[in-house]
């Protein structure tokens, strides 16, 4: 489950300065807080995206190559088996869509 913005901020180190025209300038506390908030919001958005779409990557990695899937389909037709359909069903059950 994605962390809250506050939890994420606890794990980040607040910036203290930035470079402006090649010169290091100290940040005010408001600037540092704004940057920290932006970083935390970006991290939360990343976590939420991974929760919503992570199964897609897991499925892509679990599927056999296109060549192997085509071979399964060919031999399923020749032999009257369901190897390919079984493979697809197994990948989908091992990596379900989130509710």
N, C-alpha and C. Protein backbone atom coordinates (compact mmCIF):
# COMPACT_ATOMS: atom_id res chain seq x y z
N UNK A 1 0.84 -1.18 0.00
CA UNK A 1 0.00 0.00 0.00
C UNK A 1 0.89 1.24 0.00
N UNK A 2 0.47 2.24 -0.74
CA UNK A 2 1.25 3.47 -0.85
C UNK A 2 1.33 4.17 0.51
N UNK A 3 2.47 4.76 0.74
CA UNK A 3 2.68 5.51 1.98
C UNK A 3 1.99 6.86 1.89
N UNK A 4 1.72 7.45 3.05
CA UNK A 4 1.18 8.81 3.08
C UNK A 4 2.31 9.78 2.77
N UNK A 5 1.94 10.99 2.42
CA UNK A 5 2.93 12.04 2.13
C UNK A 5 3.83 12.24 3.35
N UNK A 6 3.24 12.22 4.53
CA UNK A 6 4.02 12.45 5.75
C UNK A 6 5.04 11.33 5.97
N UNK A 7 4.62 10.08 5.73
CA UNK A 7 5.54 8.95 5.88
C UNK A 7 6.70 9.05 4.89
N UNK A 8 6.39 9.44 3.69
CA UNK A 8 7.44 9.57 2.67
C UNK A 8 8.41 10.68 3.07
N UNK A 9 7.86 11.80 3.54
CA UNK A 9 8.72 12.93 3.92
C UNK A 9 9.69 12.55 5.04
N UNK A 10 9.26 11.66 5.94
CA UNK A 10 10.14 11.23 7.02
C UNK A 10 11.38 10.52 6.49
N UNK A 11 11.25 9.87 5.36
CA UNK A 11 12.36 9.14 4.78
C UNK A 11 13.25 9.97 3.87
N UNK A 12 12.89 11.21 3.65
CA UNK A 12 13.66 12.08 2.77
C UNK A 12 14.48 13.08 3.58
N UNK A 13 15.61 13.44 3.02
CA UNK A 13 16.44 14.46 3.64
C UNK A 13 16.14 15.80 2.97
N UNK A 14 15.78 16.79 3.77
CA UNK A 14 15.41 18.09 3.22
C UNK A 14 16.62 18.76 2.57
N UNK A 15 16.40 19.36 1.40
CA UNK A 15 17.50 20.07 0.75
C UNK A 15 17.87 21.32 1.55
N UNK A 16 19.11 21.71 1.48
CA UNK A 16 19.56 22.90 2.22
C UNK A 16 20.00 24.02 1.30
N UNK A 17 20.30 23.65 0.05
CA UNK A 17 20.76 24.69 -0.87
C UNK A 17 20.45 24.29 -2.30
N UNK A 18 20.69 25.22 -3.20
CA UNK A 18 20.55 24.97 -4.63
C UNK A 18 21.60 25.78 -5.36
N UNK A 19 21.81 25.48 -6.61
CA UNK A 19 22.79 26.20 -7.41
C UNK A 19 22.06 27.17 -8.33
N UNK A 20 22.42 28.45 -8.23
CA UNK A 20 21.84 29.49 -9.07
C UNK A 20 22.99 30.18 -9.80
N UNK A 21 22.99 30.08 -11.12
CA UNK A 21 24.04 30.67 -11.95
C UNK A 21 25.43 30.27 -11.46
N UNK A 22 25.57 29.00 -11.10
CA UNK A 22 26.86 28.49 -10.68
C UNK A 22 27.23 28.81 -9.25
N UNK A 23 26.34 29.44 -8.50
CA UNK A 23 26.62 29.83 -7.12
C UNK A 23 25.67 29.08 -6.19
N UNK A 24 26.22 28.51 -5.12
CA UNK A 24 25.41 27.80 -4.14
C UNK A 24 24.68 28.81 -3.27
N UNK A 25 23.35 28.66 -3.20
CA UNK A 25 22.51 29.57 -2.43
C UNK A 25 21.74 28.74 -1.40
N UNK A 26 21.72 29.18 -0.17
CA UNK A 26 20.97 28.50 0.88
C UNK A 26 19.47 28.68 0.65
N UNK A 27 18.72 27.64 0.92
CA UNK A 27 17.27 27.70 0.80
C UNK A 27 16.64 28.20 2.09
N UNK A 28 15.54 28.92 1.95
CA UNK A 28 14.77 29.28 3.13
C UNK A 28 14.01 28.03 3.56
N UNK A 29 13.49 28.05 4.77
CA UNK A 29 12.75 26.87 5.25
C UNK A 29 11.49 26.65 4.40
N UNK A 30 10.88 27.73 3.92
CA UNK A 30 9.69 27.59 3.07
C UNK A 30 10.06 26.94 1.74
N UNK A 31 11.19 27.34 1.15
CA UNK A 31 11.63 26.74 -0.11
C UNK A 31 11.97 25.27 0.07
N UNK A 32 12.66 24.96 1.17
CA UNK A 32 13.03 23.57 1.45
C UNK A 32 11.78 22.73 1.66
N UNK A 33 10.79 23.25 2.39
CA UNK A 33 9.53 22.52 2.61
C UNK A 33 8.79 22.30 1.29
N UNK A 34 8.78 23.31 0.43
CA UNK A 34 8.09 23.19 -0.85
C UNK A 34 8.75 22.10 -1.72
N UNK A 35 10.06 22.08 -1.74
CA UNK A 35 10.77 21.05 -2.51
C UNK A 35 10.52 19.68 -1.92
N UNK A 36 10.58 19.57 -0.61
CA UNK A 36 10.34 18.29 0.07
C UNK A 36 8.92 17.80 -0.21
N UNK A 37 7.95 18.69 -0.17
CA UNK A 37 6.56 18.32 -0.48
C UNK A 37 6.44 17.82 -1.92
N UNK A 38 7.10 18.50 -2.84
CA UNK A 38 7.05 18.09 -4.24
C UNK A 38 7.66 16.70 -4.42
N UNK A 39 8.80 16.46 -3.79
CA UNK A 39 9.44 15.14 -3.87
C UNK A 39 8.51 14.06 -3.31
N UNK A 40 7.89 14.35 -2.17
CA UNK A 40 7.01 13.38 -1.52
C UNK A 40 5.78 13.10 -2.38
N UNK A 41 5.21 14.14 -2.97
CA UNK A 41 4.04 13.97 -3.84
C UNK A 41 4.40 13.13 -5.07
N UNK A 42 5.58 13.37 -5.63
CA UNK A 42 6.03 12.58 -6.79
C UNK A 42 6.22 11.12 -6.41
N UNK A 43 6.80 10.87 -5.26
CA UNK A 43 7.01 9.50 -4.80
C UNK A 43 5.67 8.81 -4.55
N UNK A 44 4.73 9.51 -3.96
CA UNK A 44 3.40 8.93 -3.70
C UNK A 44 2.70 8.60 -5.01
N UNK A 45 2.79 9.49 -5.99
CA UNK A 45 2.19 9.23 -7.30
C UNK A 45 2.81 7.99 -7.94
N UNK A 46 4.12 7.84 -7.80
CA UNK A 46 4.82 6.66 -8.32
C UNK A 46 4.32 5.40 -7.64
N UNK A 47 4.19 5.44 -6.31
CA UNK A 47 3.71 4.27 -5.56
C UNK A 47 2.29 3.89 -5.96
N UNK A 48 1.43 4.89 -6.11
CA UNK A 48 0.05 4.63 -6.50
C UNK A 48 -0.02 4.02 -7.90
N UNK A 49 0.82 4.52 -8.80
CA UNK A 49 0.86 3.98 -10.16
C UNK A 49 1.34 2.53 -10.15
N UNK A 50 2.35 2.24 -9.35
CA UNK A 50 2.85 0.87 -9.26
C UNK A 50 1.77 -0.07 -8.69
N UNK A 51 0.99 0.41 -7.73
CA UNK A 51 -0.09 -0.40 -7.17
C UNK A 51 -1.16 -0.69 -8.23
N UNK A 52 -1.47 0.34 -9.01
CA UNK A 52 -2.54 0.19 -10.00
C UNK A 52 -2.10 -0.59 -11.23
N UNK A 53 -0.83 -0.46 -11.62
CA UNK A 53 -0.38 -1.03 -12.88
C UNK A 53 0.77 -2.02 -12.77
N UNK A 54 1.21 -2.31 -11.58
CA UNK A 54 2.35 -3.21 -11.40
C UNK A 54 2.10 -4.61 -11.93
N UNK A 55 0.84 -5.04 -11.90
CA UNK A 55 0.54 -6.38 -12.39
C UNK A 55 0.86 -6.51 -13.88
N UNK A 56 0.78 -5.41 -14.62
CA UNK A 56 1.07 -5.46 -16.06
C UNK A 56 2.52 -5.83 -16.31
N UNK A 57 3.42 -5.23 -15.57
CA UNK A 57 4.84 -5.53 -15.72
C UNK A 57 5.11 -6.96 -15.30
N UNK A 58 4.50 -7.38 -14.19
CA UNK A 58 4.70 -8.75 -13.71
C UNK A 58 4.21 -9.76 -14.75
N UNK A 59 3.09 -9.47 -15.38
CA UNK A 59 2.58 -10.37 -16.42
C UNK A 59 3.51 -10.41 -17.62
N UNK A 60 3.98 -9.25 -18.05
CA UNK A 60 4.89 -9.21 -19.20
C UNK A 60 6.12 -10.06 -18.96
N UNK A 61 6.64 -9.99 -17.75
CA UNK A 61 7.84 -10.76 -17.43
C UNK A 61 7.54 -12.26 -17.33
N UNK A 62 6.31 -12.62 -16.95
CA UNK A 62 5.96 -14.03 -16.74
C UNK A 62 5.55 -14.74 -18.04
N UNK A 63 5.02 -13.99 -19.01
CA UNK A 63 4.60 -14.62 -20.26
C UNK A 63 5.80 -15.20 -21.00
N UNK A 64 5.57 -16.31 -21.65
CA UNK A 64 6.59 -16.89 -22.53
C UNK A 64 6.78 -15.94 -23.71
N UNK A 65 7.90 -16.08 -24.42
CA UNK A 65 8.16 -15.23 -25.58
C UNK A 65 7.08 -15.45 -26.64
N UNK A 66 6.95 -14.51 -27.55
CA UNK A 66 5.97 -14.63 -28.64
C UNK A 66 6.23 -15.91 -29.43
N UNK A 67 7.51 -16.18 -29.70
CA UNK A 67 7.86 -17.38 -30.46
C UNK A 67 7.37 -18.64 -29.73
N UNK A 68 7.60 -18.69 -28.41
CA UNK A 68 7.16 -19.86 -27.64
C UNK A 68 5.64 -19.96 -27.58
N UNK A 69 4.97 -18.82 -27.49
CA UNK A 69 3.50 -18.85 -27.45
C UNK A 69 2.94 -19.32 -28.79
N UNK A 70 3.54 -18.86 -29.89
CA UNK A 70 3.09 -19.31 -31.20
C UNK A 70 3.33 -20.81 -31.37
N UNK A 71 4.45 -21.29 -30.86
CA UNK A 71 4.75 -22.72 -30.91
C UNK A 71 3.72 -23.51 -30.10
N UNK A 72 3.38 -22.99 -28.91
CA UNK A 72 2.35 -23.65 -28.10
C UNK A 72 1.04 -23.72 -28.85
N UNK A 73 0.66 -22.62 -29.51
CA UNK A 73 -0.59 -22.60 -30.25
C UNK A 73 -0.58 -23.61 -31.40
N UNK A 74 0.55 -23.67 -32.11
CA UNK A 74 0.67 -24.61 -33.22
C UNK A 74 0.47 -26.05 -32.72
N UNK A 75 1.22 -26.40 -31.66
CA UNK A 75 1.15 -27.78 -31.17
C UNK A 75 -0.19 -28.07 -30.49
N UNK A 76 -0.82 -27.05 -29.94
CA UNK A 76 -2.17 -27.25 -29.40
C UNK A 76 -3.13 -27.63 -30.53
N UNK A 77 -2.99 -26.96 -31.69
CA UNK A 77 -3.84 -27.27 -32.84
C UNK A 77 -3.56 -28.68 -33.36
N UNK A 78 -2.29 -29.04 -33.43
CA UNK A 78 -1.91 -30.36 -33.95
C UNK A 78 -2.35 -31.46 -33.00
N UNK A 79 -2.11 -31.27 -31.71
CA UNK A 79 -2.34 -32.33 -30.72
C UNK A 79 -3.68 -32.24 -30.01
N UNK A 80 -4.41 -31.17 -30.22
CA UNK A 80 -5.70 -31.00 -29.53
C UNK A 80 -5.54 -30.71 -28.05
N UNK A 81 -4.42 -30.07 -27.66
CA UNK A 81 -4.16 -29.74 -26.26
C UNK A 81 -4.48 -28.28 -25.98
N UNK A 82 -4.31 -27.87 -24.73
CA UNK A 82 -4.60 -26.48 -24.34
C UNK A 82 -3.41 -25.85 -23.61
N UNK A 83 -2.21 -26.21 -24.03
CA UNK A 83 -1.00 -25.72 -23.35
C UNK A 83 -0.95 -24.20 -23.32
N UNK A 84 -1.23 -23.56 -24.45
CA UNK A 84 -1.13 -22.10 -24.53
C UNK A 84 -2.17 -21.44 -23.63
N UNK A 85 -3.42 -21.90 -23.72
CA UNK A 85 -4.49 -21.32 -22.88
C UNK A 85 -4.18 -21.53 -21.40
N UNK A 86 -3.63 -22.67 -21.07
CA UNK A 86 -3.27 -22.96 -19.67
C UNK A 86 -2.16 -22.01 -19.21
N UNK A 87 -1.20 -21.77 -20.09
CA UNK A 87 -0.09 -20.85 -19.76
C UNK A 87 -0.63 -19.45 -19.48
N UNK A 88 -1.48 -18.95 -20.36
CA UNK A 88 -2.06 -17.61 -20.20
C UNK A 88 -2.87 -17.53 -18.91
N UNK A 89 -3.69 -18.53 -18.66
CA UNK A 89 -4.52 -18.55 -17.45
C UNK A 89 -3.65 -18.57 -16.19
N UNK A 90 -2.55 -19.32 -16.22
CA UNK A 90 -1.66 -19.39 -15.06
C UNK A 90 -1.00 -18.05 -14.78
N UNK A 91 -0.52 -17.38 -15.84
CA UNK A 91 0.11 -16.07 -15.67
C UNK A 91 -0.90 -15.08 -15.09
N UNK A 92 -2.11 -15.09 -15.60
CA UNK A 92 -3.13 -14.16 -15.11
C UNK A 92 -3.52 -14.46 -13.67
N UNK A 93 -3.60 -15.72 -13.31
CA UNK A 93 -3.97 -16.04 -11.92
C UNK A 93 -2.83 -15.75 -10.95
N UNK A 94 -1.58 -15.90 -11.42
CA UNK A 94 -0.42 -15.59 -10.57
C UNK A 94 -0.23 -14.07 -10.40
N UNK A 95 -0.75 -13.28 -11.34
CA UNK A 95 -0.57 -11.81 -11.32
C UNK A 95 -1.92 -11.14 -11.57
N UNK A 96 -2.83 -11.20 -10.59
CA UNK A 96 -4.18 -10.66 -10.80
C UNK A 96 -4.22 -9.14 -10.85
N UNK A 97 -5.24 -8.64 -11.50
CA UNK A 97 -5.49 -7.20 -11.50
C UNK A 97 -5.91 -6.79 -10.10
N UNK A 98 -5.48 -5.60 -9.65
CA UNK A 98 -5.93 -5.16 -8.32
C UNK A 98 -7.43 -4.83 -8.37
N UNK A 99 -8.07 -4.96 -7.23
CA UNK A 99 -9.52 -4.70 -7.16
C UNK A 99 -9.83 -3.24 -7.18
